[in-house]
Amino acid sequence: MNIKIVPLPAEKMKTKISDQSKLGFGKYFTDRMLMVEWKAGQGWCDVRIEPYAPFVLDPACLVFHYAQEIFEGLKAYKWADGRIALFRPEMNARRFNQSGDRLCLPPVPEELFLKGIEQLVSLERDWIPTAEGTSLYIRPTLIAVEPVLGVKPSDHYYFYVILSPVGAYYAAGFNPINIMVEDQYVRAVPGGTGEAKCGGNYASSLKAGLEAKKKGYDQVLWLDGRERRYIEEVGAMNMFFVYGTHIVTAALNGSILSGVTRDSVLKLAPSLGYTVEERQIDVHDLMADIRSGKVTEAFGSGTAAVITPVGKLCYMDECLQLTGGNVGEVTQRLYDTLTGIQTGKLKDEFGWVRFVE
């Protein structure tokens, strides 16, 4: 695979943020981006890394009108020895194409996805922050750019990757969040696009999220779209519930995103002495189990935060506290172990780390 490197003029080089405590999430972007095009009858072409810049798109582009697009999220870490590590990027590449298949997007060859990201990250290595908890966030995206007002798969696509240095997710400390179980709005149903990582899923979650924040909650936990009874996921996280040494999460059913961190928790937990189970979780049973003390902890998993402890879960008019509002032992151990593997502080026994040359 030949990747053309477009020269970066000195005047287009950006000033890096010196105070890494002020990075936040997704606010700043590096100097370069990966750009590839797909055209009907030609396939993938014009692979290049070029200076980060705005697109000029026709107002009739299909992405604007019929939302034919997908994206992914992963991170690069700079280890203490100077090596740059990616965490399970192969899973992101496969999920990217699974999402694309649901929205009739052309599959991106895994080699193009991985090698393109690796070369881009290598060129932008000086942008990777090194303070505790920081990383370089990687956002691959595929959009339909054919200018036509017709509901159909596009004849022209842009696959691009941008990079953003991000600060520590828990800048104020690893503290539990409060979650509201949503019982009015529905995020997704089996057979829809819930298991695809596409923008429409996130846009449809905004209203419930805003209403939850007005009530003092941090996140919304979605129920299934048919019976509004079974636990699915939080907007940007999969959910886990701890019964002593037994960890339970909702089974993938076609409307839940197959999280990379979710899969990592399921594989990692048994090596730490815990048992895991994927099954249907009735919200009424869950609340009863929290009430009785059977559920000892709850946490979310996702790329941005890795592991997020839950301090309070509210459903209808009932709010129940977990672990006294503190971080549970299982949650803390999983967080420490996963982040330890990602940052090189702990040995990778699973072969999850991929190094950038």
Protein backbone atom coordinates (compact mmCIF):
# COMPACT_ATOMS: atom_id res chain seq x y z
CA MET A 1 0.00 0.00 0.00
CA ASN A 2 1.52 3.28 -1.16
CA ILE A 3 0.62 6.30 0.95
CA LYS A 4 1.50 9.67 -0.52
CA ILE A 5 2.79 12.18 2.04
CA VAL A 6 1.76 15.70 1.10
CA PRO A 7 4.30 18.25 2.40
CA LEU A 8 3.26 20.26 5.45
CA PRO A 9 4.09 23.96 4.94
CA ALA A 10 5.66 25.62 7.97
CA GLU A 11 2.88 28.21 8.10
CA LYS A 12 0.29 25.44 8.53
CA MET A 13 1.98 23.91 11.57
CA LYS A 14 -0.04 24.44 14.72
CA THR A 15 1.14 25.41 18.18
CA LYS A 16 0.91 22.47 20.56
CA ILE A 17 -0.80 22.87 23.93
CA SER A 18 1.97 23.14 26.51
CA ASP A 19 -0.26 22.67 29.55
CA GLN A 20 -1.60 19.14 29.11
CA SER A 21 -4.04 19.60 31.98
CA LYS A 22 -6.03 21.90 29.68
CA LEU A 23 -6.37 19.51 26.74
CA GLY A 24 -9.91 18.36 27.49
CA PHE A 25 -11.43 15.92 24.98
CA GLY A 26 -11.63 16.45 21.23
CA LYS A 27 -10.90 20.17 21.27
CA TYR A 28 -7.54 20.26 19.48
CA PHE A 29 -6.36 18.52 16.34
CA THR A 30 -2.94 17.66 14.95
CA ASP A 31 -1.26 19.00 11.81
CA ARG A 32 -2.09 16.14 9.45
CA MET A 33 -4.92 13.82 8.45
CA LEU A 34 -5.24 10.61 6.45
CA MET A 35 -7.45 10.96 3.37
CA VAL A 36 -8.61 8.22 0.98
CA GLU A 37 -11.32 8.21 -1.67
CA TRP A 38 -13.59 5.47 -3.00
CA LYS A 39 -15.26 5.84 -6.39
CA ALA A 40 -17.69 3.52 -8.12
CA GLY A 41 -15.91 1.45 -10.76
CA GLN A 42 -12.51 2.37 -9.34
CA GLY A 43 -12.54 1.39 -5.68
CA TRP A 44 -10.13 2.85 -3.13
CA CYS A 45 -7.74 5.41 -4.59
CA ASP A 46 -5.59 8.46 -3.89
CA VAL A 47 -4.33 7.39 -0.45
CA ARG A 48 -2.58 10.34 1.13
CA ILE A 49 -1.59 12.02 4.38
CA GLU A 50 -2.09 15.74 3.98
CA PRO A 51 -2.26 18.88 6.11
CA TYR A 52 -5.35 19.02 8.32
CA ALA A 53 -7.86 21.28 6.58
CA PRO A 54 -11.61 21.78 6.08
CA PHE A 55 -13.44 19.92 3.31
CA VAL A 56 -15.25 21.66 0.47
CA LEU A 57 -18.42 19.61 -0.04
CA ASP A 58 -21.39 20.07 -2.32
CA PRO A 59 -24.57 21.00 -0.40
CA ALA A 60 -26.30 18.02 -2.04
CA CYS A 61 -23.84 15.43 -0.65
CA LEU A 62 -25.65 12.31 0.51
CA VAL A 63 -24.08 12.44 3.97
CA PHE A 64 -25.96 15.66 4.72
CA HIS A 65 -29.37 14.41 3.63
CA TYR A 66 -29.48 10.68 4.29
CA ALA A 67 -26.81 10.27 6.98
CA GLN A 68 -24.73 7.66 5.19
CA GLU A 69 -21.67 7.72 7.46
CA ILE A 70 -19.87 5.78 10.19
CA PHE A 71 -16.94 6.40 12.53
CA GLU A 72 -14.67 4.74 15.07
CA GLY A 73 -12.68 5.79 18.13
CA LEU A 74 -9.39 4.45 19.45
CA LYS A 75 -6.27 5.76 21.16
CA ALA A 76 -2.48 5.85 20.87
CA TYR A 77 -0.32 5.95 23.99
CA LYS A 78 3.29 7.02 24.37
CA TRP A 79 5.00 4.66 26.78
CA ALA A 80 7.75 5.62 29.21
CA ASP A 81 10.34 3.94 26.97
CA GLY A 82 9.26 6.10 24.01
CA ARG A 83 7.33 3.43 22.13
CA ILE A 84 3.89 4.25 20.75
CA ALA A 85 1.15 1.72 21.36
CA LEU A 86 -2.32 1.18 19.92
CA PHE A 87 -4.86 -0.89 21.85
CA ARG A 88 -6.61 -3.62 19.81
CA PRO A 89 -6.95 -1.55 16.61
CA GLU A 90 -7.81 -4.68 14.63
CA MET A 91 -11.13 -4.83 16.49
CA ASN A 92 -11.88 -1.24 15.52
CA ALA A 93 -11.10 -2.05 11.87
CA ARG A 94 -13.50 -5.01 11.90
CA ARG A 95 -16.25 -3.14 13.72
CA PHE A 96 -15.83 -0.23 11.30
CA ASN A 97 -16.68 -2.53 8.40
CA GLN A 98 -19.51 -4.20 10.29
CA SER A 99 -21.03 -0.76 10.80
CA GLY A 100 -20.39 0.07 7.17
CA ASP A 101 -22.11 -3.06 5.95
CA ARG A 102 -25.32 -2.05 7.77
CA LEU A 103 -25.27 1.38 6.08
CA CYS A 104 -24.22 0.08 2.62
CA LEU A 105 -20.74 1.62 2.76
CA PRO A 106 -17.79 0.04 0.94
CA PRO A 107 -15.51 -2.00 3.25
CA VAL A 108 -12.18 -0.40 4.06
CA PRO A 109 -9.40 -3.00 3.69
CA GLU A 110 -8.04 -3.81 7.15
CA GLU A 111 -4.47 -3.19 5.96
CA LEU A 112 -5.43 0.28 4.71
CA PHE A 113 -7.20 1.06 7.99
CA LEU A 114 -4.32 -0.10 10.19
CA LYS A 115 -1.32 0.98 8.13
CA GLY A 116 -2.88 4.34 7.36
CA ILE A 117 -3.46 5.02 11.06
CA GLU A 118 0.00 3.79 12.02
CA GLN A 119 1.76 6.00 9.50
CA LEU A 120 -0.34 9.04 10.44
CA VAL A 121 0.31 8.50 14.15
CA SER A 122 4.02 7.99 13.47
CA LEU A 123 4.21 11.32 11.63
CA GLU A 124 2.29 13.06 14.42
CA ARG A 125 4.10 11.37 17.32
CA ASP A 126 5.17 14.70 18.79
CA TRP A 127 1.50 15.47 19.42
CA ILE A 128 1.02 12.51 21.75
CA PRO A 129 0.75 13.87 25.31
CA THR A 130 2.67 12.13 28.09
CA ALA A 131 1.03 13.35 31.30
CA GLU A 132 -0.77 10.74 33.43
CA GLY A 133 -4.07 9.70 31.86
CA THR A 134 -3.51 11.49 28.53
CA SER A 135 -3.44 9.96 25.06
CA LEU A 136 -3.89 10.66 21.35
CA TYR A 137 -7.47 10.05 20.29
CA ILE A 138 -7.92 8.63 16.78
CA ARG A 139 -11.14 9.22 14.82
CA PRO A 140 -11.56 7.23 11.55
CA THR A 141 -14.64 8.32 9.57
CA LEU A 142 -16.33 7.30 6.32
CA ILE A 143 -18.83 9.64 4.64
CA ALA A 144 -20.88 9.64 1.43
CA VAL A 145 -20.01 12.65 -0.74
CA GLU A 146 -21.86 12.06 -4.01
CA PRO A 147 -23.97 15.20 -4.69
CA VAL A 148 -27.40 13.79 -5.50
CA LEU A 149 -30.80 14.02 -3.84
CA GLY A 150 -31.76 10.38 -4.03
CA VAL A 151 -32.00 7.71 -1.33
CA LYS A 152 -29.32 5.28 -2.46
CA PRO A 153 -25.76 4.20 -1.64
CA SER A 154 -23.27 6.80 -2.77
CA ASP A 155 -20.94 6.45 -5.76
CA HIS A 156 -18.23 8.47 -3.98
CA TYR A 157 -16.88 8.31 -0.42
CA TYR A 158 -14.22 9.91 1.75
CA PHE A 159 -12.45 7.78 4.34
CA TYR A 160 -10.41 10.01 6.60
CA VAL A 161 -8.67 9.90 9.97
CA ILE A 162 -8.04 12.84 12.28
CA LEU A 163 -6.11 12.89 15.55
CA SER A 164 -6.72 14.79 18.77
CA PRO A 165 -4.48 14.96 21.85
CA VAL A 166 -6.78 14.44 24.82
CA GLY A 167 -6.39 15.08 28.51
CA ALA A 168 -7.02 12.78 31.44
CA TYR A 169 -10.69 11.76 31.37
CA TYR A 170 -10.83 11.90 35.15
CA ALA A 171 -9.12 15.24 35.60
CA ALA A 172 -10.97 15.74 38.90
CA GLY A 173 -10.35 12.18 40.09
CA PHE A 174 -11.74 8.69 39.44
CA ASN A 175 -15.19 9.43 40.81
CA PRO A 176 -18.53 7.61 40.39
CA ILE A 177 -21.25 9.06 38.17
CA ASN A 178 -25.03 9.12 38.56
CA ILE A 179 -27.13 7.40 35.89
CA MET A 180 -30.81 7.73 35.01
CA VAL A 181 -32.60 4.81 33.38
CA GLU A 182 -34.51 6.24 30.41
CA ASP A 183 -38.12 4.98 30.32
CA GLN A 184 -39.63 7.30 27.69
CA TYR A 185 -37.30 7.64 24.72
CA VAL A 186 -35.86 4.73 22.75
CA ARG A 187 -32.35 4.64 21.30
CA ALA A 188 -32.47 1.55 19.06
CA VAL A 189 -34.22 -1.73 18.29
CA PRO A 190 -32.89 -5.06 16.96
CA GLY A 191 -32.75 -4.87 13.19
CA GLY A 192 -32.03 -1.14 13.26
CA THR A 193 -28.67 0.60 13.42
CA GLY A 194 -28.06 0.33 17.17
CA GLU A 195 -25.10 -2.00 16.78
CA ALA A 196 -23.52 0.27 14.14
CA LYS A 197 -21.30 3.17 15.15
CA CYS A 198 -23.06 5.85 13.14
CA GLY A 199 -23.89 9.43 13.95
CA GLY A 200 -27.66 8.98 13.88
CA ASN A 201 -27.53 6.81 17.00
CA TYR A 202 -25.83 9.60 18.90
CA ALA A 203 -28.04 12.38 17.55
CA SER A 204 -31.15 10.49 18.70
CA SER A 205 -29.70 10.20 22.22
CA LEU A 206 -29.17 13.93 22.74
CA LYS A 207 -32.65 14.91 23.90
CA ALA A 208 -32.81 12.29 26.64
CA GLY A 209 -29.26 13.16 27.69
CA LEU A 210 -30.07 16.86 28.01
CA GLU A 211 -33.18 16.16 30.03
CA ALA A 212 -31.22 13.85 32.32
CA LYS A 213 -28.59 16.52 32.93
CA LYS A 214 -31.30 19.02 33.88
CA LYS A 215 -32.34 16.55 36.57
CA GLY A 216 -28.77 16.24 37.85
CA TYR A 217 -27.71 12.98 36.21
CA ASP A 218 -24.50 12.40 34.28
CA GLN A 219 -25.63 9.76 31.78
CA VAL A 220 -28.68 7.93 30.45
CA LEU A 221 -29.03 4.14 30.58
CA TRP A 222 -31.19 2.89 27.71
CA LEU A 223 -33.76 0.11 27.86
CA ASP A 224 -34.69 -2.12 24.94
CA GLY A 225 -36.92 -0.54 22.32
CA ARG A 226 -39.60 -3.22 22.31
CA GLU A 227 -40.62 -3.77 25.92
CA ARG A 228 -38.65 -0.96 27.57
CA ARG A 229 -37.72 -3.49 30.20
CA TYR A 230 -34.26 -4.85 29.49
CA ILE A 231 -30.96 -3.06 30.10
CA GLU A 232 -29.00 -2.14 26.98
CA GLU A 233 -26.22 0.47 27.20
CA VAL A 234 -25.33 3.99 28.29
CA GLY A 235 -24.87 6.48 25.43
CA ALA A 236 -21.11 6.02 25.03
CA MET A 237 -20.56 2.98 27.23
CA ASN A 238 -21.51 -0.64 27.73
CA MET A 239 -22.74 -1.43 31.25
CA PHE A 240 -21.59 -4.04 33.77
CA PHE A 241 -23.06 -5.08 37.11
CA VAL A 242 -21.03 -6.83 39.78
CA TYR A 243 -22.49 -9.56 41.99
CA GLY A 244 -19.59 -10.12 44.39
CA THR A 245 -17.06 -11.83 42.13
CA HIS A 246 -19.53 -12.38 39.26
CA ILE A 247 -19.74 -9.72 36.52
CA VAL A 248 -22.83 -9.47 34.31
CA THR A 249 -23.42 -7.43 31.15
CA ALA A 250 -26.23 -7.27 28.60
CA ALA A 251 -25.91 -9.79 25.78
CA LEU A 252 -25.39 -8.36 22.30
CA ASN A 253 -28.78 -8.41 20.62
CA GLY A 254 -28.46 -6.32 17.48
CA SER A 255 -29.16 -2.97 19.14
CA ILE A 256 -26.13 -2.79 21.44
CA LEU A 257 -22.70 -1.63 20.27
CA SER A 258 -20.06 -4.33 20.51
CA GLY A 259 -17.53 -2.33 22.50
CA VAL A 260 -13.80 -3.04 22.24
CA THR A 261 -13.41 -2.23 25.95
CA ARG A 262 -16.47 -4.39 26.70
CA ASP A 263 -14.81 -7.35 25.02
CA SER A 264 -11.57 -6.60 26.85
CA VAL A 265 -13.34 -6.64 30.24
CA LEU A 266 -14.98 -9.97 29.42
CA LYS A 267 -11.61 -11.49 28.52
CA LEU A 268 -9.60 -9.83 31.29
CA ALA A 269 -11.91 -10.42 34.25
CA PRO A 270 -11.52 -14.25 34.40
CA SER A 271 -7.72 -13.85 34.60
CA LEU A 272 -8.28 -11.74 37.73
CA GLY A 273 -10.44 -14.36 39.39
CA TYR A 274 -13.90 -13.14 38.38
CA THR A 275 -16.60 -14.96 36.46
CA VAL A 276 -18.45 -13.21 33.62
CA GLU A 277 -21.86 -13.61 32.06
CA GLU A 278 -23.64 -12.06 29.08
CA ARG A 279 -27.42 -12.23 29.46
CA GLN A 280 -30.68 -10.34 29.29
CA ILE A 281 -31.03 -8.06 32.34
CA ASP A 282 -34.52 -7.07 33.49
CA VAL A 283 -34.43 -3.54 34.97
CA HIS A 284 -36.90 -4.52 37.71
CA ASP A 285 -34.76 -7.49 38.74
CA LEU A 286 -31.67 -5.28 38.63
CA MET A 287 -33.17 -2.66 40.91
CA ALA A 288 -34.31 -5.40 43.32
CA ASP A 289 -30.77 -6.86 43.32
CA ILE A 290 -29.26 -3.45 44.07
CA ARG A 291 -31.83 -2.89 46.79
CA SER A 292 -31.05 -6.23 48.41
CA GLY A 293 -27.29 -5.80 48.15
CA LYS A 294 -26.77 -8.61 45.64
CA VAL A 295 -25.37 -6.09 43.14
CA THR A 296 -22.26 -4.76 44.82
CA GLU A 297 -20.92 -2.49 42.06
CA ALA A 298 -21.74 -1.12 38.61
CA PHE A 299 -19.49 0.39 35.96
CA GLY A 300 -19.43 1.39 32.30
CA SER A 301 -16.78 0.65 29.69
CA GLY A 302 -15.73 2.63 26.62
CA THR A 303 -12.74 3.99 24.74
CA ALA A 304 -12.85 7.52 26.15
CA ALA A 305 -12.96 6.71 29.87
CA VAL A 306 -11.95 3.00 29.74
CA ILE A 307 -13.89 2.21 32.96
CA THR A 308 -16.45 4.50 34.60
CA PRO A 309 -17.67 3.75 38.13
CA VAL A 310 -21.38 4.22 38.85
CA GLY A 311 -22.39 5.63 42.23
CA LYS A 312 -26.14 5.92 41.81
CA LEU A 313 -28.73 4.34 39.52
CA CYS A 314 -32.21 5.87 39.24
CA TYR A 315 -35.29 4.30 37.65
CA MET A 316 -38.75 5.85 37.70
CA ASP A 317 -38.96 7.52 41.12
CA GLU A 318 -36.37 5.35 42.85
CA CYS A 319 -32.66 6.17 43.24
CA LEU A 320 -30.32 3.52 44.63
CA GLN A 321 -26.73 4.06 45.70
CA LEU A 322 -23.93 1.62 44.99
CA THR A 323 -20.74 1.12 47.03
CA GLY A 324 -21.70 4.01 49.26
CA GLY A 325 -21.03 6.39 46.38
CA ASN A 326 -17.40 5.28 46.25
CA VAL A 327 -15.41 3.35 43.63
CA GLY A 328 -15.80 -0.40 44.09
CA GLU A 329 -12.87 -2.78 44.42
CA VAL A 330 -13.67 -4.73 41.24
CA THR A 331 -14.17 -1.54 39.22
CA GLN A 332 -10.87 -0.09 40.44
CA ARG A 333 -8.96 -3.29 39.72
CA LEU A 334 -10.28 -3.58 36.19
CA TYR A 335 -9.52 0.08 35.50
CA ASP A 336 -5.98 -0.19 36.87
CA THR A 337 -5.28 -3.37 34.93
CA LEU A 338 -6.67 -2.21 31.58
CA THR A 339 -4.98 1.19 31.71
CA GLY A 340 -1.80 -0.51 32.91
CA ILE A 341 -1.75 -2.70 29.79
CA GLN A 342 -2.57 0.24 27.52
CA THR A 343 0.22 2.43 28.90
CA GLY A 344 2.90 -0.25 29.33
CA LYS A 345 2.88 -0.31 33.13
CA LEU A 346 1.64 -3.91 33.12
CA LYS A 347 2.59 -6.81 30.87
CA ASP A 348 0.24 -7.48 27.96
CA GLU A 349 -0.66 -11.16 28.39
CA PHE A 350 -3.33 -11.05 25.68
CA GLY A 351 -1.45 -9.67 22.67
CA TRP A 352 -3.68 -6.59 22.57
CA VAL A 353 -0.99 -3.97 22.06
CA ARG A 354 0.19 -3.05 18.56
CA PHE A 355 3.24 -0.83 18.29
CA VAL A 356 3.67 2.00 15.80
CA GLU A 357 7.04 2.04 14.03
